[in-house]
N, C-alpha and C. Protein backbone atom coordinates (compact mmCIF):
# COMPACT_ATOMS: atom_id res chain seq x y z
N MET A 1 207.91 65.45 123.21
CA MET A 1 206.79 66.21 123.77
C MET A 1 205.77 65.28 124.38
N PRO A 2 205.13 65.65 125.50
CA PRO A 2 204.09 64.82 126.09
C PRO A 2 202.95 64.60 125.11
N GLU A 3 202.30 63.44 125.22
CA GLU A 3 201.21 63.13 124.31
C GLU A 3 200.01 64.03 124.56
N THR A 4 199.82 64.49 125.79
CA THR A 4 198.75 65.42 126.11
C THR A 4 199.34 66.56 126.92
N THR A 5 198.56 67.62 127.09
CA THR A 5 199.02 68.75 127.87
C THR A 5 198.75 68.55 129.36
N ALA A 6 198.23 67.38 129.75
CA ALA A 6 197.89 67.15 131.15
C ALA A 6 199.12 67.20 132.05
N GLU A 7 200.28 66.82 131.49
CA GLU A 7 201.51 66.81 132.28
C GLU A 7 202.17 68.18 132.36
N LEU A 8 201.70 69.10 131.55
CA LEU A 8 202.33 70.41 131.48
C LEU A 8 201.79 71.35 132.56
N PRO A 9 202.65 72.24 133.05
CA PRO A 9 202.17 73.29 133.96
C PRO A 9 201.24 74.23 133.23
N ARG A 10 200.43 74.94 133.99
CA ARG A 10 199.46 75.85 133.37
C ARG A 10 200.05 77.22 133.07
N TYR A 11 201.12 77.58 133.79
CA TYR A 11 201.69 78.92 133.62
C TYR A 11 203.22 78.80 133.56
N ILE A 12 203.78 79.05 132.38
CA ILE A 12 205.21 78.94 132.14
C ILE A 12 205.77 80.33 131.84
N VAL A 13 206.87 80.68 132.47
CA VAL A 13 207.52 81.96 132.20
C VAL A 13 208.90 81.72 131.60
N ILE A 14 209.21 82.45 130.55
CA ILE A 14 210.53 82.43 129.92
C ILE A 14 211.24 83.72 130.29
N GLU A 15 212.44 83.63 130.84
CA GLU A 15 213.18 84.83 131.24
C GLU A 15 214.62 84.78 130.75
N GLY A 16 215.28 85.94 130.79
CA GLY A 16 216.67 86.05 130.37
C GLY A 16 216.97 87.45 129.89
N PRO A 17 218.22 87.73 129.56
CA PRO A 17 218.62 89.08 129.16
C PRO A 17 218.11 89.47 127.78
N ILE A 18 218.27 90.74 127.47
CA ILE A 18 217.88 91.27 126.16
C ILE A 18 218.62 90.51 125.06
N GLY A 19 217.88 90.09 124.03
CA GLY A 19 218.49 89.44 122.88
C GLY A 19 218.65 87.94 122.98
N VAL A 20 218.18 87.34 124.08
CA VAL A 20 218.41 85.90 124.27
C VAL A 20 217.36 85.05 123.56
N GLY A 21 216.26 85.64 123.14
CA GLY A 21 215.25 84.89 122.38
C GLY A 21 213.99 84.53 123.15
N LYS A 22 213.66 85.30 124.16
CA LYS A 22 212.49 84.99 125.00
C LYS A 22 211.19 84.99 124.20
N THR A 23 210.94 86.07 123.49
CA THR A 23 209.65 86.22 122.81
C THR A 23 209.51 85.20 121.68
N THR A 24 210.61 84.90 121.00
CA THR A 24 210.57 83.88 119.96
C THR A 24 210.15 82.53 120.53
N LEU A 25 210.73 82.16 121.66
CA LEU A 25 210.38 80.90 122.28
C LEU A 25 208.95 80.89 122.79
N VAL A 26 208.51 81.98 123.39
CA VAL A 26 207.12 82.07 123.87
C VAL A 26 206.15 81.88 122.70
N THR A 27 206.44 82.52 121.60
CA THR A 27 205.57 82.41 120.42
C THR A 27 205.51 80.97 119.91
N ARG A 28 206.65 80.31 119.86
CA ARG A 28 206.69 78.93 119.40
C ARG A 28 205.94 78.00 120.36
N LEU A 29 206.13 78.19 121.65
CA LEU A 29 205.43 77.36 122.63
C LEU A 29 203.93 77.58 122.56
N ALA A 30 203.54 78.83 122.38
CA ALA A 30 202.10 79.13 122.29
C ALA A 30 201.49 78.45 121.07
N GLU A 31 202.21 78.44 119.95
CA GLU A 31 201.71 77.76 118.76
C GLU A 31 201.59 76.26 118.99
N ARG A 32 202.61 75.70 119.62
CA ARG A 32 202.63 74.25 119.85
C ARG A 32 201.56 73.81 120.84
N LEU A 33 201.35 74.61 121.89
CA LEU A 33 200.45 74.21 122.98
C LEU A 33 199.08 74.86 122.88
N ARG A 34 198.90 75.71 121.86
CA ARG A 34 197.67 76.49 121.74
C ARG A 34 197.44 77.28 123.03
N ALA A 35 198.49 77.89 123.47
CA ALA A 35 198.49 78.59 124.76
C ALA A 35 198.24 80.09 124.59
N ARG A 36 197.79 80.68 125.65
CA ARG A 36 197.66 82.13 125.72
C ARG A 36 199.04 82.72 126.02
N THR A 37 199.36 83.87 125.43
CA THR A 37 200.64 84.52 125.69
C THR A 37 200.46 85.76 126.56
N VAL A 38 201.45 86.01 127.40
CA VAL A 38 201.51 87.24 128.19
C VAL A 38 202.85 87.88 127.82
N LEU A 39 202.83 88.81 126.88
CA LEU A 39 204.05 89.39 126.32
C LEU A 39 204.25 90.82 126.81
N GLU A 40 205.47 91.11 127.19
CA GLU A 40 205.80 92.45 127.62
C GLU A 40 205.67 93.42 126.45
N ILE A 41 204.97 94.53 126.68
CA ILE A 41 204.74 95.52 125.62
C ILE A 41 205.73 96.66 125.83
N PHE A 42 207.01 96.38 125.58
CA PHE A 42 208.05 97.36 125.89
C PHE A 42 208.08 98.52 124.92
N GLU A 43 207.60 98.32 123.69
CA GLU A 43 207.68 99.38 122.69
C GLU A 43 206.72 100.54 122.99
N GLU A 44 205.80 100.36 123.94
CA GLU A 44 204.89 101.43 124.31
C GLU A 44 205.52 102.40 125.31
N ASN A 45 206.69 102.05 125.83
CA ASN A 45 207.34 102.91 126.81
C ASN A 45 207.91 104.15 126.10
N PRO A 46 207.36 105.34 126.37
CA PRO A 46 207.80 106.54 125.64
C PRO A 46 209.19 107.02 126.02
N PHE A 47 209.75 106.47 127.10
CA PHE A 47 211.06 106.91 127.57
C PHE A 47 212.20 105.99 127.10
N LEU A 48 211.87 104.87 126.48
CA LEU A 48 212.86 103.84 126.23
C LEU A 48 213.98 104.28 125.29
N ALA A 49 213.62 104.91 124.18
CA ALA A 49 214.64 105.34 123.22
C ALA A 49 215.62 106.31 123.87
N ASN A 50 215.10 107.27 124.63
CA ASN A 50 215.97 108.24 125.30
C ASN A 50 216.79 107.57 126.40
N PHE A 51 216.23 106.55 127.03
CA PHE A 51 216.96 105.84 128.07
C PHE A 51 218.23 105.20 127.54
N TYR A 52 218.16 104.59 126.36
CA TYR A 52 219.33 103.94 125.80
C TYR A 52 220.40 104.96 125.40
N LYS A 53 220.01 106.22 125.19
CA LYS A 53 220.97 107.26 124.86
C LYS A 53 221.55 107.91 126.11
N ASP A 54 220.73 108.02 127.16
CA ASP A 54 221.16 108.70 128.39
C ASP A 54 220.49 108.01 129.57
N ARG A 55 221.08 106.90 130.03
CA ARG A 55 220.45 106.06 131.05
C ARG A 55 220.23 106.80 132.36
N SER A 56 221.20 107.55 132.81
CA SER A 56 221.07 108.21 134.11
C SER A 56 219.95 109.24 134.13
N ARG A 57 219.73 109.92 133.03
CA ARG A 57 218.70 110.96 132.97
C ARG A 57 217.29 110.38 132.89
N TYR A 58 217.14 109.29 132.15
CA TYR A 58 215.79 108.77 131.89
C TYR A 58 215.49 107.46 132.61
N ALA A 59 216.37 107.01 133.49
CA ALA A 59 216.19 105.71 134.12
C ALA A 59 214.92 105.65 134.98
N PHE A 60 214.70 106.64 135.81
CA PHE A 60 213.57 106.56 136.74
C PHE A 60 212.23 106.54 135.99
N GLN A 61 212.09 107.44 135.02
CA GLN A 61 210.84 107.45 134.24
C GLN A 61 210.63 106.13 133.51
N THR A 62 211.70 105.61 132.95
CA THR A 62 211.62 104.35 132.20
C THR A 62 211.21 103.20 133.09
N GLU A 63 211.87 103.08 134.25
CA GLU A 63 211.58 101.95 135.14
C GLU A 63 210.21 102.06 135.77
N MET A 64 209.76 103.25 136.11
CA MET A 64 208.43 103.41 136.69
C MET A 64 207.35 103.09 135.67
N PHE A 65 207.57 103.49 134.42
CA PHE A 65 206.59 103.15 133.38
C PHE A 65 206.49 101.65 133.23
N PHE A 66 207.64 100.96 133.18
CA PHE A 66 207.63 99.51 133.04
C PHE A 66 206.96 98.85 134.25
N LEU A 67 207.25 99.34 135.43
CA LEU A 67 206.66 98.76 136.64
C LEU A 67 205.14 98.80 136.60
N LEU A 68 204.60 99.97 136.31
CA LEU A 68 203.14 100.12 136.31
C LEU A 68 202.49 99.40 135.12
N SER A 69 203.17 99.41 133.98
CA SER A 69 202.65 98.72 132.80
C SER A 69 202.61 97.21 133.02
N ARG A 70 203.71 96.65 133.55
CA ARG A 70 203.75 95.21 133.81
C ARG A 70 202.75 94.82 134.89
N TYR A 71 202.61 95.66 135.91
CA TYR A 71 201.64 95.34 136.95
C TYR A 71 200.22 95.32 136.40
N ARG A 72 199.88 96.30 135.59
CA ARG A 72 198.54 96.34 135.01
C ARG A 72 198.28 95.09 134.17
N GLN A 73 199.28 94.67 133.42
CA GLN A 73 199.14 93.46 132.60
C GLN A 73 199.00 92.22 133.47
N GLN A 74 199.81 92.11 134.53
CA GLN A 74 199.73 90.97 135.43
C GLN A 74 198.40 90.95 136.18
N GLU A 75 197.90 92.10 136.54
CA GLU A 75 196.61 92.18 137.24
C GLU A 75 195.49 91.66 136.35
N GLU A 76 195.49 92.07 135.09
CA GLU A 76 194.47 91.59 134.15
C GLU A 76 194.60 90.09 133.93
N PHE A 77 195.83 89.62 133.84
CA PHE A 77 196.08 88.19 133.66
C PHE A 77 195.59 87.39 134.86
N ALA A 78 195.83 87.89 136.07
CA ALA A 78 195.44 87.18 137.29
C ALA A 78 193.94 87.09 137.44
N GLN A 79 193.22 87.99 136.81
CA GLN A 79 191.76 87.99 136.93
C GLN A 79 191.12 86.96 136.01
N THR A 80 191.90 86.39 135.11
CA THR A 80 191.37 85.34 134.24
C THR A 80 191.50 84.00 134.95
N ASP A 81 190.88 82.99 134.38
CA ASP A 81 190.96 81.64 134.94
C ASP A 81 192.28 81.01 134.51
N LEU A 82 193.25 80.96 135.43
CA LEU A 82 194.59 80.47 135.10
C LEU A 82 194.60 78.99 134.73
N PHE A 83 193.53 78.27 135.07
CA PHE A 83 193.51 76.83 134.83
C PHE A 83 192.70 76.44 133.60
N SER A 84 192.12 77.43 132.94
CA SER A 84 191.30 77.11 131.77
C SER A 84 192.14 76.92 130.52
N ARG A 85 193.39 77.42 130.54
CA ARG A 85 194.22 77.36 129.35
C ARG A 85 195.68 77.54 129.77
N ILE A 86 196.59 76.88 129.09
CA ILE A 86 198.01 77.07 129.36
C ILE A 86 198.41 78.48 128.95
N SER A 87 199.23 79.12 129.78
CA SER A 87 199.71 80.47 129.51
C SER A 87 201.23 80.48 129.51
N VAL A 88 201.80 81.26 128.59
CA VAL A 88 203.26 81.38 128.49
C VAL A 88 203.60 82.87 128.43
N SER A 89 204.54 83.30 129.27
CA SER A 89 204.92 84.71 129.35
C SER A 89 206.41 84.88 129.07
N ASP A 90 206.80 86.08 128.64
CA ASP A 90 208.22 86.34 128.37
C ASP A 90 208.87 87.21 129.44
N TYR A 91 208.28 87.25 130.65
CA TYR A 91 208.95 87.95 131.74
C TYR A 91 208.37 87.56 133.09
N LEU A 92 209.23 87.62 134.10
CA LEU A 92 208.83 87.55 135.49
C LEU A 92 208.64 88.97 136.00
N PHE A 93 207.73 89.15 136.95
CA PHE A 93 207.51 90.50 137.47
C PHE A 93 208.76 91.02 138.19
N VAL A 94 209.55 90.12 138.76
CA VAL A 94 210.78 90.56 139.45
C VAL A 94 211.75 91.23 138.49
N LYS A 95 211.54 91.08 137.21
CA LYS A 95 212.37 91.76 136.22
C LYS A 95 212.39 93.26 136.47
N CYS A 96 211.26 93.79 136.93
CA CYS A 96 211.19 95.22 137.23
C CYS A 96 212.27 95.61 138.23
N ARG A 97 212.36 94.86 139.32
CA ARG A 97 213.30 95.18 140.39
C ARG A 97 214.74 94.94 139.95
N LEU A 98 214.98 93.90 139.17
CA LEU A 98 216.32 93.60 138.71
C LEU A 98 216.87 94.72 137.83
N PHE A 99 216.07 95.17 136.87
CA PHE A 99 216.51 96.24 135.99
C PHE A 99 216.68 97.54 136.76
N ALA A 100 215.76 97.82 137.68
CA ALA A 100 215.86 99.05 138.46
C ALA A 100 217.13 99.08 139.28
N SER A 101 217.56 97.93 139.78
CA SER A 101 218.77 97.88 140.61
C SER A 101 220.01 98.24 139.81
N LEU A 102 219.96 98.07 138.49
CA LEU A 102 221.09 98.41 137.64
C LEU A 102 221.09 99.86 137.20
N THR A 103 219.92 100.46 137.11
CA THR A 103 219.80 101.76 136.45
C THR A 103 219.53 102.93 137.39
N LEU A 104 218.94 102.68 138.55
CA LEU A 104 218.53 103.78 139.42
C LEU A 104 219.60 104.14 140.45
N SER A 105 219.61 105.40 140.85
CA SER A 105 220.47 105.83 141.94
C SER A 105 219.91 105.28 143.26
N ASP A 106 220.68 105.37 144.31
CA ASP A 106 220.24 104.84 145.61
C ASP A 106 218.96 105.52 146.07
N HIS A 107 218.88 106.82 145.92
CA HIS A 107 217.68 107.55 146.35
C HIS A 107 216.47 107.18 145.51
N GLU A 108 216.68 107.05 144.21
CA GLU A 108 215.58 106.66 143.33
C GLU A 108 215.11 105.25 143.65
N LEU A 109 216.04 104.37 143.97
CA LEU A 109 215.68 102.98 144.25
C LEU A 109 214.86 102.85 145.53
N VAL A 110 215.13 103.68 146.51
CA VAL A 110 214.34 103.68 147.74
C VAL A 110 212.89 104.01 147.43
N LEU A 111 212.68 105.03 146.63
CA LEU A 111 211.32 105.42 146.25
C LEU A 111 210.67 104.35 145.39
N TYR A 112 211.43 103.82 144.46
CA TYR A 112 210.92 102.76 143.57
C TYR A 112 210.48 101.54 144.38
N ASP A 113 211.28 101.14 145.36
CA ASP A 113 210.99 99.94 146.13
C ASP A 113 209.70 100.06 146.94
N ARG A 114 209.33 101.26 147.33
CA ARG A 114 208.07 101.44 148.06
C ARG A 114 206.88 101.00 147.20
N MET A 115 206.93 101.40 145.94
CA MET A 115 205.86 101.01 145.03
C MET A 115 205.97 99.53 144.66
N TYR A 116 207.17 99.07 144.38
CA TYR A 116 207.37 97.69 143.96
C TYR A 116 206.91 96.71 145.03
N SER A 117 207.21 96.97 146.28
CA SER A 117 206.86 96.04 147.36
C SER A 117 205.35 95.90 147.50
N ILE A 118 204.62 96.94 147.18
CA ILE A 118 203.15 96.88 147.24
C ILE A 118 202.59 96.06 146.09
N LEU A 119 203.13 96.27 144.91
CA LEU A 119 202.58 95.64 143.71
C LEU A 119 202.97 94.18 143.56
N THR A 120 204.19 93.82 143.94
CA THR A 120 204.69 92.47 143.66
C THR A 120 203.91 91.40 144.41
N ALA A 121 203.35 91.75 145.56
CA ALA A 121 202.60 90.77 146.35
C ALA A 121 201.30 90.36 145.67
N GLN A 122 200.90 91.10 144.65
CA GLN A 122 199.60 90.85 144.02
C GLN A 122 199.72 90.22 142.63
N THR A 123 200.91 89.79 142.27
CA THR A 123 201.10 89.21 140.94
C THR A 123 201.14 87.68 141.03
N PRO A 124 200.64 86.98 140.00
CA PRO A 124 200.60 85.51 140.03
C PRO A 124 201.98 84.89 139.93
N THR A 125 202.14 83.72 140.53
CA THR A 125 203.41 82.99 140.52
C THR A 125 203.36 81.91 139.44
N PRO A 126 204.38 81.83 138.60
CA PRO A 126 204.38 80.79 137.55
C PRO A 126 204.58 79.39 138.14
N ASP A 127 204.24 78.38 137.36
CA ASP A 127 204.46 76.98 137.76
C ASP A 127 205.88 76.54 137.46
N VAL A 128 206.43 77.04 136.35
CA VAL A 128 207.80 76.72 135.95
C VAL A 128 208.40 77.96 135.31
N VAL A 129 209.68 78.22 135.60
CA VAL A 129 210.41 79.30 134.94
C VAL A 129 211.53 78.69 134.10
N VAL A 130 211.67 79.18 132.87
CA VAL A 130 212.76 78.78 131.98
C VAL A 130 213.70 79.96 131.84
N HIS A 131 214.94 79.77 132.27
CA HIS A 131 215.96 80.83 132.15
C HIS A 131 216.81 80.58 130.92
N LEU A 132 216.71 81.48 129.95
CA LEU A 132 217.53 81.41 128.75
C LEU A 132 218.78 82.25 128.97
N HIS A 133 219.94 81.72 128.56
CA HIS A 133 221.16 82.50 128.67
C HIS A 133 222.06 82.22 127.48
N ALA A 134 223.00 83.14 127.23
CA ALA A 134 223.93 83.01 126.11
C ALA A 134 225.11 83.94 126.36
N PRO A 135 226.27 83.67 125.73
CA PRO A 135 227.42 84.56 125.86
C PRO A 135 227.11 85.95 125.32
N LEU A 136 227.88 86.92 125.77
CA LEU A 136 227.64 88.31 125.37
C LEU A 136 227.68 88.50 123.86
N ASP A 137 228.65 87.90 123.17
CA ASP A 137 228.75 88.12 121.73
C ASP A 137 227.52 87.62 121.00
N SER A 138 226.93 86.52 121.47
CA SER A 138 225.70 86.01 120.85
C SER A 138 224.54 86.98 121.06
N LEU A 139 224.43 87.53 122.25
CA LEU A 139 223.37 88.48 122.53
C LEU A 139 223.50 89.73 121.65
N LEU A 140 224.70 90.23 121.53
CA LEU A 140 224.92 91.44 120.73
C LEU A 140 224.60 91.20 119.25
N LYS A 141 224.95 90.04 118.73
CA LYS A 141 224.63 89.72 117.33
C LYS A 141 223.12 89.66 117.12
N ARG A 142 222.42 89.06 118.07
CA ARG A 142 220.96 88.94 117.92
C ARG A 142 220.29 90.30 118.04
N ILE A 143 220.77 91.13 118.94
CA ILE A 143 220.21 92.47 119.09
C ILE A 143 220.41 93.26 117.80
N ALA A 144 221.60 93.18 117.23
CA ALA A 144 221.90 93.90 115.98
C ALA A 144 221.05 93.38 114.82
N SER A 145 220.82 92.07 114.77
CA SER A 145 220.12 91.48 113.63
C SER A 145 218.64 91.84 113.59
N ARG A 146 218.04 92.18 114.73
CA ARG A 146 216.61 92.49 114.71
C ARG A 146 216.34 93.95 114.35
N GLY A 147 217.35 94.79 114.33
CA GLY A 147 217.24 96.11 113.72
C GLY A 147 216.31 97.09 114.37
N ARG A 148 216.15 97.04 115.67
CA ARG A 148 215.30 98.01 116.36
C ARG A 148 216.06 99.32 116.52
N SER A 149 215.46 100.41 116.08
CA SER A 149 216.17 101.69 116.04
C SER A 149 216.66 102.13 117.40
N TYR A 150 215.86 101.91 118.44
CA TYR A 150 216.25 102.38 119.76
C TYR A 150 217.32 101.50 120.41
N GLU A 151 217.66 100.37 119.78
CA GLU A 151 218.72 99.51 120.31
C GLU A 151 220.07 99.71 119.63
N VAL A 152 220.12 100.59 118.63
CA VAL A 152 221.34 100.79 117.86
C VAL A 152 222.49 101.24 118.75
N ASP A 153 222.20 102.16 119.67
CA ASP A 153 223.25 102.73 120.52
C ASP A 153 223.37 102.03 121.87
N MET A 154 222.84 100.83 121.98
CA MET A 154 222.87 100.12 123.25
C MET A 154 224.31 99.79 123.65
N ASP A 155 224.65 100.07 124.89
CA ASP A 155 225.99 99.86 125.40
C ASP A 155 226.24 98.37 125.67
N PRO A 156 227.26 97.77 125.04
CA PRO A 156 227.56 96.36 125.30
C PRO A 156 227.83 96.07 126.78
N LEU A 157 228.41 97.02 127.49
CA LEU A 157 228.68 96.82 128.92
C LEU A 157 227.37 96.70 129.70
N TYR A 158 226.36 97.43 129.27
CA TYR A 158 225.05 97.34 129.92
C TYR A 158 224.45 95.95 129.68
N ILE A 159 224.55 95.45 128.47
CA ILE A 159 224.03 94.11 128.16
C ILE A 159 224.77 93.06 128.97
N ASP A 160 226.08 93.23 129.10
CA ASP A 160 226.86 92.27 129.88
C ASP A 160 226.46 92.31 131.35
N ARG A 161 226.17 93.49 131.88
CA ARG A 161 225.71 93.60 133.26
C ARG A 161 224.36 92.90 133.44
N LEU A 162 223.48 93.05 132.46
CA LEU A 162 222.19 92.35 132.52
C LEU A 162 222.38 90.84 132.50
N ARG A 163 223.26 90.39 131.61
CA ARG A 163 223.52 88.95 131.50
C ARG A 163 224.04 88.39 132.83
N ARG A 164 224.98 89.09 133.43
CA ARG A 164 225.54 88.64 134.70
C ARG A 164 224.51 88.73 135.83
N MET A 165 223.68 89.75 135.78
CA MET A 165 222.65 89.91 136.79
C MET A 165 221.68 88.73 136.79
N TYR A 166 221.23 88.34 135.60
CA TYR A 166 220.33 87.19 135.50
C TYR A 166 221.03 85.92 135.97
N HIS A 167 222.28 85.76 135.59
CA HIS A 167 223.03 84.57 136.02
C HIS A 167 223.08 84.49 137.54
N ASN A 168 223.37 85.60 138.18
CA ASN A 168 223.45 85.62 139.64
C ASN A 168 222.08 85.39 140.28
N TYR A 169 221.07 86.01 139.70
CA TYR A 169 219.73 85.87 140.29
C TYR A 169 219.25 84.42 140.22
N PHE A 170 219.36 83.80 139.07
CA PHE A 170 218.87 82.44 138.93
C PHE A 170 219.81 81.42 139.57
N GLY A 171 221.04 81.85 139.87
CA GLY A 171 221.93 80.96 140.60
C GLY A 171 221.47 80.71 142.02
N HIS A 172 220.59 81.58 142.53
CA HIS A 172 220.05 81.43 143.89
C HIS A 172 218.53 81.30 143.90
N TYR A 173 217.94 81.09 142.74
CA TYR A 173 216.48 81.08 142.61
C TYR A 173 215.89 79.76 143.11
N ASP A 174 214.87 79.86 143.98
CA ASP A 174 214.23 78.64 144.48
C ASP A 174 212.72 78.81 144.67
N GLN A 175 212.15 79.80 144.01
CA GLN A 175 210.73 80.09 144.21
C GLN A 175 209.81 79.17 143.41
N THR A 176 210.31 78.65 142.29
CA THR A 176 209.53 77.74 141.45
C THR A 176 210.50 76.74 140.82
N PRO A 177 210.01 75.68 140.19
CA PRO A 177 210.90 74.84 139.38
C PRO A 177 211.57 75.68 138.30
N LEU A 178 212.84 75.39 138.05
CA LEU A 178 213.64 76.20 137.13
C LEU A 178 214.31 75.30 136.09
N VAL A 179 214.21 75.69 134.83
CA VAL A 179 214.92 75.02 133.73
C VAL A 179 215.91 76.01 133.14
N GLU A 180 217.18 75.63 133.10
CA GLU A 180 218.25 76.48 132.56
C GLU A 180 218.61 76.03 131.15
N ILE A 181 218.68 76.98 130.20
CA ILE A 181 218.98 76.63 128.81
C ILE A 181 220.01 77.59 128.23
N ASP A 182 221.11 77.05 127.75
CA ASP A 182 222.09 77.82 127.01
C ASP A 182 221.64 77.87 125.56
N THR A 183 221.32 79.07 125.07
CA THR A 183 220.75 79.21 123.73
C THR A 183 221.79 79.53 122.66
N GLN A 184 223.05 79.46 123.00
CA GLN A 184 224.09 79.84 122.04
C GLN A 184 223.98 79.04 120.74
N ASP A 185 223.70 77.76 120.85
CA ASP A 185 223.64 76.90 119.66
C ASP A 185 222.23 76.34 119.44
N VAL A 186 221.24 77.02 119.96
CA VAL A 186 219.85 76.56 119.81
C VAL A 186 219.04 77.62 119.07
N ASP A 187 218.29 77.19 118.08
CA ASP A 187 217.42 78.10 117.32
C ASP A 187 215.98 77.62 117.48
N PHE A 188 215.31 78.15 118.48
CA PHE A 188 213.94 77.72 118.74
C PHE A 188 212.97 78.14 117.64
N SER A 189 213.37 79.10 116.81
CA SER A 189 212.47 79.54 115.75
C SER A 189 212.32 78.49 114.65
N ARG A 190 213.31 77.55 114.57
CA ARG A 190 213.28 76.57 113.48
C ARG A 190 213.41 75.12 113.94
N ASP A 191 213.98 74.92 115.11
CA ASP A 191 214.33 73.57 115.55
C ASP A 191 213.20 72.94 116.35
N GLU A 192 212.44 72.05 115.70
CA GLU A 192 211.31 71.40 116.37
C GLU A 192 211.79 70.47 117.47
N GLN A 193 212.92 69.81 117.26
CA GLN A 193 213.44 68.90 118.27
C GLN A 193 213.83 69.66 119.54
N ALA A 194 214.36 70.87 119.37
CA ALA A 194 214.71 71.68 120.54
C ALA A 194 213.46 72.03 121.34
N ILE A 195 212.36 72.30 120.66
CA ILE A 195 211.10 72.58 121.36
C ILE A 195 210.64 71.35 122.11
N ASP A 196 210.73 70.18 121.46
CA ASP A 196 210.34 68.92 122.10
C ASP A 196 211.16 68.69 123.37
N GLU A 197 212.47 68.88 123.28
CA GLU A 197 213.35 68.65 124.42
C GLU A 197 213.06 69.62 125.55
N LEU A 198 212.78 70.86 125.18
CA LEU A 198 212.44 71.85 126.20
C LEU A 198 211.17 71.47 126.95
N LEU A 199 210.15 71.09 126.20
CA LEU A 199 208.88 70.72 126.84
C LEU A 199 209.06 69.49 127.73
N ASP A 200 209.90 68.58 127.31
CA ASP A 200 210.17 67.40 128.14
C ASP A 200 210.82 67.82 129.45
N GLN A 201 211.77 68.75 129.39
CA GLN A 201 212.44 69.21 130.60
C GLN A 201 211.50 70.00 131.50
N VAL A 202 210.63 70.78 130.90
CA VAL A 202 209.64 71.55 131.67
C VAL A 202 208.71 70.60 132.43
N CYS A 203 208.25 69.57 131.75
CA CYS A 203 207.37 68.58 132.38
C CYS A 203 208.07 67.86 133.53
N LYS A 204 209.32 67.48 133.31
CA LYS A 204 210.08 66.80 134.36
C LYS A 204 210.28 67.69 135.57
N ALA A 205 210.61 68.96 135.33
CA ALA A 205 210.81 69.89 136.43
C ALA A 205 209.51 70.11 137.21
N TYR A 206 208.41 70.22 136.48
CA TYR A 206 207.10 70.45 137.11
C TYR A 206 206.69 69.24 137.94
N THR A 207 206.90 68.05 137.41
CA THR A 207 206.55 66.83 138.14
C THR A 207 207.42 66.66 139.38
N ALA A 208 208.71 66.91 139.23
CA ALA A 208 209.64 66.76 140.35
C ALA A 208 209.34 67.76 141.46
N ALA A 209 208.75 68.89 141.08
CA ALA A 209 208.48 69.94 142.07
C ALA A 209 207.35 69.57 143.03
N LYS A 210 206.67 68.48 142.75
CA LYS A 210 205.63 68.05 143.68
C LYS A 210 206.24 67.50 144.96
N THR A 211 207.56 67.25 144.93
CA THR A 211 208.31 66.94 146.15
C THR A 211 209.19 68.16 146.46
N PRO A 212 210.52 68.12 146.24
CA PRO A 212 211.28 69.36 146.39
C PRO A 212 211.30 70.15 145.09
N VAL A 213 211.64 71.45 145.15
CA VAL A 213 211.80 72.26 143.95
C VAL A 213 212.98 71.73 143.16
N ALA A 214 212.82 71.67 141.84
CA ALA A 214 213.84 71.05 141.00
C ALA A 214 214.47 72.07 140.05
N THR A 215 215.74 71.86 139.78
CA THR A 215 216.43 72.59 138.74
C THR A 215 216.93 71.60 137.72
N VAL A 216 216.56 71.80 136.46
CA VAL A 216 216.95 70.88 135.41
C VAL A 216 217.75 71.64 134.38
N THR A 217 218.88 71.11 133.97
CA THR A 217 219.74 71.76 132.98
C THR A 217 219.97 70.80 131.82
N PHE A 218 219.92 71.33 130.60
CA PHE A 218 220.31 70.50 129.47
C PHE A 218 220.98 71.36 128.42
């Protein structure tokens, strides 16, 4: 880990599919860096439980709620002084569009995109993005172990589509420095060395981005 936070970016985003460990890592980084967190409040979505039971029926309501909720949170975050304190978030705003592309019909997506295109231009851009990924079986085990009632009936095929979607998206991502991490054999909740190595890679990616955008994998 760097001796001071001067080498660290001010705004770090952790992204990846459901069950990959985003929020756990954000919490650990916030503790280590004394950082502010920007955490997705997904449990407030009143349509989520029904969505996992009947995706086609509840997809539009679910995605629109998430879109407006995430935008409101990002708007409040953007109004703060982004340079006064390091901030760590567990989602990119583009997550809204990625999930909508999997769940909405063509007609619904056209309507959704009208709102999304207006809102996305007003959200802050992170300094570094960390993409967490893992094999499907690892994701399913982690989802089952956390025991959330509305995730009990989650379709493994849906999780696999999300995993592949993130892989494809970050395979062409060039908007910010990107750090790719396979979390299959990493436990950020307990492994201090893994946190140290991650922060080292984040710093290297951020520094390298002062020339071309960098992708770092370990």
